[in-house]
Amino acid sequence: MADSIRQNEATILKEIAELLNEGTEEKQILAGVLKKLLHVTGFQIGWIFLIDEHGRHEFAAGESLPPALTANHCTRMKENNCWCVNRYVNGKLQKATNIIQCHRIESALRDKSGDNRGLTHHATVPLRAGDEKFGLLNVGSPYKTHFQKEELVLLESIAYQIGTALKRIKLTQKEQEIALIAERNRLARDLHDSVSQLLFSLRLTARAGVEMSDNQEVKETFTYIQELSKEALGEMRALIHQLRPQGLENGIISALSDYAKILGLTLHAKITGVIHFPQRIEEALWRIGQEALANCKKHAQITDVYLAIHVEHPNVHMKIYDDGCGFLYDGSQELLSLGIKNMEYRTKELNGTFELQTAPGKGTAIHITIPLRGM
């Protein structure tokens, strides 16, 4: 296999590079490039771990894994205790390396978890771009116990390509997030400068109409317009706050407390654990919290709302609940509220779980759990 790899190295790297340049979705790219890598190199089994700066690893892709590793929904691949991950986290795995034996396979055979189909050894290669590290590429073949130098060099080149692609994807995602924030800020400014000012002027005009008119019916009409414009102005301010959350730089609790005040609610917050989140997770919690508070304002018929955030690695848990009127809901039925659907969508977009508990006269509670990978 080493002679074949040496002769076709340029072609292999070209095919891998073309595949990596096509996609923008991280796990989809990793699955595709792993399949291509095995096809063009002749190796038969492979898997990829993404590892964050705290040493938490995620099984991101696998190809042709034996039953010993896929048993119980790949539970063994999610365990932290193995040589390659430990060496990577300790900074001692810097280049493509032969693994004497695979700890995961060893433990699977010891526990009789399934057939290993001849896989006992694998090579492991860090995924990196410059000084940044993203995880590990592992490849092997049945009954193959040693990798030639040429094979390790090629795997190292491919791993560098993968690392560069991962860095590109993360930079692209960051640029998109910055662009989205900029667009929200622009919309917030436009709404403040145009619609909010018009509503404020309408309110002043209606108040002047009340003071200037002697006709009771006209006074009542102007009073009604004044109240409507006041309510619309409050809604507009809440919308602007959603688009441009002032106070989020001081933390999610501060931002949600300020938003609750805008809605005329009192937020009682309790926090346990380390409260520092990646931007995507913090924004998701903020948006979910907004939806929940808005629902309380519209439907709960109370002014006190309770928020609990608890960080317990590898997850963050958020619960927002009230003692309001509640509503009839069966967990097996489809969610009808667009706001609740949005909360569920934002949660599942980050591989989290969403739970709604409510009943007439029993209040409403929303439980969110989101994994903190990348924190």
Protein backbone atom coordinates (compact mmCIF):
# COMPACT_ATOMS: atom_id res chain seq x y z
CA MET A 1 0.00 0.00 0.00
CA ALA A 2 2.92 2.35 0.73
CA ASP A 3 4.18 2.23 -2.91
CA SER A 4 0.68 2.94 -4.23
CA ILE A 5 0.30 5.90 -1.88
CA ARG A 6 3.68 7.33 -2.89
CA GLN A 7 2.77 7.17 -6.58
CA ASN A 8 -0.69 8.70 -6.17
CA GLU A 9 -0.09 11.16 -3.33
CA ALA A 10 -0.65 14.28 -5.46
CA THR A 11 -3.91 12.89 -6.86
CA ILE A 12 -5.14 11.88 -3.41
CA LEU A 13 -4.41 15.32 -1.93
CA LYS A 14 -6.09 17.01 -4.88
CA GLU A 15 -9.28 14.95 -4.50
CA ILE A 16 -9.40 15.59 -0.75
CA ALA A 17 -8.83 19.34 -1.25
CA GLU A 18 -11.62 19.57 -3.83
CA LEU A 19 -14.04 17.88 -1.45
CA LEU A 20 -13.06 20.08 1.48
CA ASN A 21 -13.55 23.25 -0.57
CA GLU A 22 -17.11 22.34 -1.53
CA GLY A 23 -18.90 22.38 1.81
CA THR A 24 -19.63 24.71 4.70
CA GLU A 25 -21.30 22.34 7.19
CA GLU A 26 -18.73 20.91 9.58
CA LYS A 27 -19.94 17.38 10.27
CA GLN A 28 -21.14 16.83 6.72
CA ILE A 29 -17.70 17.72 5.40
CA LEU A 30 -15.95 15.48 7.92
CA ALA A 31 -18.14 12.49 7.03
CA GLY A 32 -17.58 13.07 3.31
CA VAL A 33 -13.83 13.57 3.50
CA LEU A 34 -13.42 10.50 5.74
CA LYS A 35 -15.25 8.34 3.21
CA LYS A 36 -13.15 9.77 0.37
CA LEU A 37 -9.92 9.33 2.33
CA LEU A 38 -10.56 5.62 2.90
CA HIS A 39 -11.54 5.13 -0.74
CA VAL A 40 -8.45 6.76 -2.27
CA THR A 41 -5.89 5.48 0.24
CA GLY A 42 -7.10 1.91 0.62
CA PHE A 43 -7.48 2.13 4.40
CA GLN A 44 -10.79 0.60 5.45
CA ILE A 45 -11.83 2.08 8.80
CA GLY A 46 -11.73 5.61 10.12
CA TRP A 47 -13.20 8.07 12.63
CA ILE A 48 -12.76 11.69 13.61
CA PHE A 49 -12.92 13.33 17.04
CA LEU A 50 -13.41 17.06 17.45
CA ILE A 51 -11.78 18.23 20.70
CA ASP A 52 -12.36 21.63 22.30
CA GLU A 53 -9.92 23.73 24.29
CA HIS A 54 -11.14 22.12 27.54
CA GLY A 55 -10.29 18.62 26.32
CA ARG A 56 -13.90 17.55 25.78
CA HIS A 57 -14.10 15.38 22.69
CA GLU A 58 -17.00 14.74 20.32
CA PHE A 59 -17.34 11.76 18.00
CA ALA A 60 -17.88 13.72 14.78
CA ALA A 61 -17.63 11.14 11.99
CA GLY A 62 -17.08 7.43 11.48
CA GLU A 63 -16.76 5.15 8.45
CA SER A 64 -17.00 1.34 8.34
CA LEU A 65 -16.58 1.04 12.10
CA PRO A 66 -16.84 -2.53 13.45
CA PRO A 67 -19.75 -3.52 15.73
CA ALA A 68 -17.37 -3.40 18.72
CA LEU A 69 -17.24 0.39 18.33
CA THR A 70 -20.79 1.09 17.14
CA ALA A 71 -22.61 -0.87 19.86
CA ASN A 72 -25.17 1.07 21.94
CA HIS A 73 -25.23 4.07 19.58
CA CYS A 74 -21.41 4.37 19.54
CA THR A 75 -21.29 4.79 23.32
CA ARG A 76 -17.68 3.56 23.44
CA MET A 77 -16.62 6.30 20.99
CA LYS A 78 -17.94 8.92 23.41
CA GLU A 79 -15.81 7.77 26.35
CA ASN A 80 -12.85 9.99 27.22
CA ASN A 81 -10.43 7.32 28.40
CA CYS A 82 -8.13 6.44 25.50
CA TRP A 83 -4.48 6.93 24.68
CA CYS A 84 -4.87 9.18 21.65
CA VAL A 85 -7.33 11.67 23.21
CA ASN A 86 -5.36 11.81 26.47
CA ARG A 87 -2.06 12.42 24.64
CA TYR A 88 -3.69 15.07 22.47
CA VAL A 89 -5.14 16.91 25.49
CA ASN A 90 -1.79 16.76 27.31
CA GLY A 91 -0.05 18.32 24.29
CA LYS A 92 2.08 15.24 23.64
CA LEU A 93 0.49 14.25 20.34
CA GLN A 94 1.87 16.65 17.75
CA LYS A 95 2.20 14.52 14.59
CA ALA A 96 0.93 11.35 12.92
CA THR A 97 1.59 8.43 15.24
CA ASN A 98 1.32 4.65 15.23
CA ILE A 99 -0.89 3.39 18.03
CA ILE A 100 0.31 0.08 19.48
CA GLN A 101 -3.21 -1.05 20.31
CA CYS A 102 -6.61 0.68 20.44
CA HIS A 103 -7.91 1.03 23.99
CA ARG A 104 -11.52 1.26 22.79
CA ILE A 105 -11.19 -2.00 20.86
CA GLU A 106 -9.42 -3.64 23.81
CA SER A 107 -12.19 -2.72 26.22
CA ALA A 108 -14.87 -3.79 23.71
CA LEU A 109 -13.27 -7.22 23.32
CA ARG A 110 -12.85 -7.52 27.07
CA ASP A 111 -16.53 -6.68 27.61
CA LYS A 112 -17.62 -8.83 24.64
CA SER A 113 -19.41 -5.83 23.15
CA GLY A 114 -19.17 -6.98 19.54
CA ASP A 115 -16.98 -8.17 16.67
CA ASN A 116 -13.88 -6.04 16.02
CA ARG A 117 -13.60 -7.41 12.44
CA GLY A 118 -9.83 -7.61 12.68
CA LEU A 119 -9.27 -4.01 13.83
CA THR A 120 -6.74 -3.92 16.67
CA HIS A 121 -4.46 -0.98 15.80
CA HIS A 122 -4.85 2.44 14.20
CA ALA A 123 -2.86 5.53 13.31
CA THR A 124 -3.85 8.81 14.91
CA VAL A 125 -3.19 12.28 13.49
CA PRO A 126 -3.96 15.70 15.04
CA LEU A 127 -6.14 18.02 12.96
CA ARG A 128 -4.51 21.42 12.95
CA ALA A 129 -4.04 24.66 11.05
CA GLY A 130 -0.96 26.56 12.17
CA ASP A 131 -1.02 26.68 15.96
CA GLU A 132 -4.74 25.89 16.18
CA LYS A 133 -5.85 22.35 16.93
CA PHE A 134 -9.30 20.95 16.26
CA GLY A 135 -9.22 17.22 17.03
CA LEU A 136 -7.98 13.84 15.80
CA LEU A 137 -8.16 11.72 12.66
CA ASN A 138 -7.88 7.96 13.27
CA VAL A 139 -7.55 5.36 10.50
CA GLY A 140 -6.93 1.65 10.40
CA SER A 141 -7.48 -1.59 8.52
CA PRO A 142 -8.26 -5.15 9.62
CA TYR A 143 -5.14 -6.97 10.88
CA LYS A 144 -2.90 -3.97 10.11
CA THR A 145 -0.59 -3.42 13.08
CA HIS A 146 1.90 -0.89 11.69
CA PHE A 147 1.85 2.14 9.38
CA GLN A 148 4.74 2.95 7.05
CA LYS A 149 6.40 6.38 7.18
CA GLU A 150 4.93 7.30 3.78
CA GLU A 151 1.44 6.46 5.01
CA LEU A 152 1.84 8.63 8.10
CA VAL A 153 3.20 11.53 6.04
CA LEU A 154 0.18 11.37 3.72
CA LEU A 155 -2.24 11.17 6.64
CA GLU A 156 -0.53 14.18 8.20
CA SER A 157 -0.96 16.17 4.97
CA ILE A 158 -4.64 15.22 4.76
CA ALA A 159 -5.15 16.08 8.43
CA TYR A 160 -3.64 19.52 7.81
CA GLN A 161 -6.04 20.03 4.91
CA ILE A 162 -8.96 19.06 7.16
CA GLY A 163 -7.73 21.41 9.90
CA THR A 164 -7.45 24.28 7.44
CA ALA A 165 -11.00 23.59 6.20
CA LEU A 166 -12.33 23.56 9.78
CA LYS A 167 -10.64 26.90 10.45
CA ARG A 168 -12.18 28.32 7.27
CA ILE A 169 -15.64 27.14 8.32
CA LYS A 170 -15.29 28.66 11.79
CA LEU A 171 -14.09 31.98 10.33
CA THR A 172 -17.00 31.97 7.88
CA GLN A 173 -19.47 31.30 10.70
CA LYS A 174 -17.93 34.14 12.71
CA GLU A 175 -18.21 36.52 9.76
CA GLN A 176 -21.86 35.54 9.27
CA GLU A 177 -22.59 36.14 12.95
CA ILE A 178 -20.94 39.58 12.79
CA ALA A 179 -22.87 40.45 9.62
CA LEU A 180 -26.13 39.32 11.23
CA ILE A 181 -25.49 41.45 14.32
CA ALA A 182 -24.67 44.45 12.11
CA GLU A 183 -27.92 43.98 10.16
CA ARG A 184 -29.94 43.71 13.35
CA ASN A 185 -28.36 46.89 14.66
CA ARG A 186 -29.22 48.67 11.40
CA LEU A 187 -32.84 47.52 11.58
CA ALA A 188 -33.02 48.58 15.23
CA ARG A 189 -31.73 52.06 14.37
CA ASP A 190 -34.19 52.39 11.46
CA LEU A 191 -37.12 51.35 13.63
CA HIS A 192 -36.08 53.74 16.38
CA ASP A 193 -35.54 56.66 14.04
CA SER A 194 -38.73 56.18 12.02
CA VAL A 195 -41.55 54.07 13.44
CA SER A 196 -40.84 54.76 17.12
CA GLN A 197 -40.71 58.51 16.50
CA LEU A 198 -43.97 58.40 14.54
CA LEU A 199 -45.69 56.50 17.34
CA PHE A 200 -44.36 58.96 19.90
CA SER A 201 -45.66 61.87 17.80
CA LEU A 202 -49.04 60.16 17.47
CA ARG A 203 -49.24 59.75 21.22
CA LEU A 204 -48.46 63.45 21.80
CA THR A 205 -50.99 64.47 19.16
CA ALA A 206 -53.68 62.31 20.76
CA ARG A 207 -52.95 63.81 24.18
CA ALA A 208 -53.23 67.30 22.71
CA GLY A 209 -56.55 66.30 21.14
CA VAL A 210 -57.85 65.22 24.56
CA GLU A 211 -56.84 68.54 26.12
CA MET A 212 -58.18 70.73 23.31
CA SER A 213 -61.57 69.11 22.70
CA ASP A 214 -64.72 69.88 24.67
CA ASN A 215 -66.72 67.03 23.13
CA GLN A 216 -66.75 63.97 25.40
CA GLU A 217 -66.97 61.46 22.55
CA VAL A 218 -64.02 63.11 20.80
CA LYS A 219 -62.07 63.09 24.08
CA GLU A 220 -62.72 59.34 24.47
CA THR A 221 -61.60 58.70 20.90
CA PHE A 222 -58.37 60.63 21.40
CA THR A 223 -57.83 58.85 24.74
CA TYR A 224 -58.25 55.50 23.01
CA ILE A 225 -55.74 56.52 20.31
CA GLN A 226 -53.36 57.69 23.02
CA GLU A 227 -53.54 54.36 24.83
CA LEU A 228 -53.11 52.39 21.60
CA SER A 229 -50.07 54.45 20.56
CA LYS A 230 -48.59 54.00 24.04
CA GLU A 231 -49.04 50.23 23.80
CA ALA A 232 -47.64 50.14 20.25
CA LEU A 233 -44.64 52.22 21.34
CA GLY A 234 -43.95 49.73 24.15
CA GLU A 235 -44.16 46.84 21.67
CA MET A 236 -41.79 48.66 19.32
CA ARG A 237 -39.27 49.28 22.10
CA ALA A 238 -39.39 45.58 23.02
CA LEU A 239 -38.82 44.66 19.36
CA ILE A 240 -35.86 47.03 19.11
CA HIS A 241 -34.45 45.50 22.29
CA GLN A 242 -34.77 42.04 20.71
CA LEU A 243 -32.90 43.17 17.62
CA ARG A 244 -30.20 44.96 19.57
CA PRO A 245 -30.01 43.57 23.12
CA GLN A 246 -28.44 46.36 25.14
CA GLY A 247 -26.93 44.92 28.29
CA LEU A 248 -25.97 41.51 26.86
CA GLU A 249 -22.36 42.62 27.21
CA ASN A 250 -23.05 42.54 30.98
CA GLY A 251 -24.31 38.97 30.81
CA ILE A 252 -27.50 37.17 29.94
CA ILE A 253 -29.10 37.70 33.37
CA SER A 254 -28.68 41.46 33.12
CA ALA A 255 -30.07 41.50 29.57
CA LEU A 256 -33.12 39.37 30.41
CA SER A 257 -33.79 41.40 33.56
CA ASP A 258 -33.76 44.61 31.52
CA TYR A 259 -36.06 43.06 28.93
CA ALA A 260 -38.47 41.90 31.65
CA LYS A 261 -38.64 45.48 32.96
CA ILE A 262 -39.53 46.74 29.50
CA LEU A 263 -42.42 44.26 29.46
CA GLY A 264 -43.53 45.26 32.94
CA LEU A 265 -42.42 41.96 34.50
CA THR A 266 -40.29 41.20 37.56
CA LEU A 267 -37.64 38.56 36.89
CA HIS A 268 -36.36 36.51 39.84
CA ALA A 269 -33.07 34.92 38.76
CA LYS A 270 -30.95 32.18 40.33
CA ILE A 271 -27.58 31.15 38.91
CA THR A 272 -25.27 28.27 39.80
CA GLY A 273 -22.06 27.21 38.09
CA VAL A 274 -19.73 29.14 35.78
CA ILE A 275 -21.69 31.61 33.66
CA HIS A 276 -19.58 32.22 30.57
CA PHE A 277 -20.87 30.93 27.26
CA PRO A 278 -19.79 30.80 23.63
CA GLN A 279 -21.51 33.51 21.61
CA ARG A 280 -23.91 31.13 19.81
CA ILE A 281 -25.10 29.55 23.05
CA GLU A 282 -25.47 32.87 24.87
CA GLU A 283 -27.47 34.32 21.98
CA ALA A 284 -29.70 31.22 21.83
CA LEU A 285 -30.42 31.42 25.58
CA TRP A 286 -31.11 35.14 25.21
CA ARG A 287 -33.57 34.62 22.33
CA ILE A 288 -35.29 31.71 24.09
CA GLY A 289 -35.56 33.81 27.26
CA GLN A 290 -37.10 36.66 25.26
CA GLU A 291 -39.73 34.39 23.76
CA ALA A 292 -40.58 32.94 27.17
CA LEU A 293 -40.89 36.37 28.81
CA ALA A 294 -43.01 37.67 25.95
CA ASN A 295 -45.34 34.67 26.33
CA CYS A 296 -45.61 35.36 30.07
CA LYS A 297 -46.57 38.96 29.36
CA LYS A 298 -49.20 37.99 26.79
CA HIS A 299 -50.76 34.90 28.37
CA ALA A 300 -49.78 34.13 31.97
CA GLN A 301 -51.75 36.98 33.62
CA ILE A 302 -49.01 37.50 36.23
CA THR A 303 -46.02 39.85 36.62
CA ASP A 304 -43.53 37.61 38.46
CA VAL A 305 -41.36 35.26 36.38
CA TYR A 306 -38.61 32.93 37.61
CA LEU A 307 -35.35 32.10 35.85
CA ALA A 308 -32.83 29.43 36.86
CA ILE A 309 -29.56 28.82 34.99
CA HIS A 310 -27.33 25.97 36.06
CA VAL A 311 -24.04 24.97 34.44
CA GLU A 312 -23.03 21.37 34.95
CA HIS A 313 -20.48 20.23 32.39
CA PRO A 314 -21.00 19.25 29.72
CA ASN A 315 -24.39 21.06 29.68
CA VAL A 316 -26.09 24.31 30.57
CA HIS A 317 -29.63 24.06 31.93
CA MET A 318 -32.08 26.96 31.79
CA LYS A 319 -35.57 26.96 33.30
CA ILE A 320 -38.09 29.78 32.96
CA TYR A 321 -41.35 29.35 34.83
CA ASP A 322 -44.32 31.25 36.20
CA ASP A 323 -47.30 30.61 38.47
CA GLY A 324 -49.77 31.97 35.94
CA CYS A 325 -52.90 30.58 34.36
CA GLY A 326 -51.15 27.90 32.29
CA PHE A 327 -52.93 26.11 29.45
CA LEU A 328 -54.01 22.69 28.28
CA TYR A 329 -51.11 20.87 26.64
CA ASP A 330 -50.39 17.26 25.82
CA GLY A 331 -46.71 16.49 25.19
CA SER A 332 -47.64 14.18 22.32
CA GLN A 333 -49.39 16.92 20.34
CA GLU A 334 -47.79 19.40 17.96
CA LEU A 335 -46.84 22.78 19.36
CA LEU A 336 -49.24 25.42 18.08
CA SER A 337 -47.55 28.60 19.34
CA LEU A 338 -45.01 30.07 16.94
CA GLY A 339 -43.04 31.46 19.90
CA ILE A 340 -42.77 28.03 21.52
CA LYS A 341 -41.82 26.47 18.17
CA ASN A 342 -39.04 29.06 17.83
CA MET A 343 -37.72 28.19 21.30
CA GLU A 344 -37.73 24.49 20.46
CA TYR A 345 -36.03 25.13 17.11
CA ARG A 346 -33.26 27.27 18.64
CA THR A 347 -32.63 24.57 21.27
CA LYS A 348 -32.46 21.67 18.82
CA GLU A 349 -30.26 23.70 16.45
CA LEU A 350 -27.58 23.46 19.17
CA ASN A 351 -28.26 19.74 19.77
CA GLY A 352 -30.16 20.57 22.96
CA THR A 353 -33.40 19.30 24.49
CA PHE A 354 -36.58 21.31 24.99
CA GLU A 355 -39.33 20.47 27.48
CA LEU A 356 -42.60 22.30 28.15
CA GLN A 357 -44.70 21.67 31.27
CA THR A 358 -48.03 23.38 31.82
CA ALA A 359 -51.65 22.81 32.82
CA PRO A 360 -54.65 25.09 33.39
CA GLY A 361 -54.16 26.96 36.66
CA LYS A 362 -50.74 25.35 37.23
CA GLY A 363 -48.44 27.85 35.54
CA THR A 364 -45.93 27.15 32.77
CA ALA A 365 -42.33 25.93 32.89
CA ILE A 366 -39.84 25.67 30.05
CA HIS A 367 -36.70 23.54 30.52
CA ILE A 368 -33.74 23.95 28.15
CA THR A 369 -30.60 21.82 28.12
CA ILE A 370 -27.78 22.68 25.69
CA PRO A 371 -24.38 20.94 25.44
CA LEU A 372 -21.44 23.27 26.05
CA ARG A 373 -19.02 21.89 23.49
CA GLY A 374 -16.68 24.69 22.40
CA MET A 375 -17.17 26.68 25.62
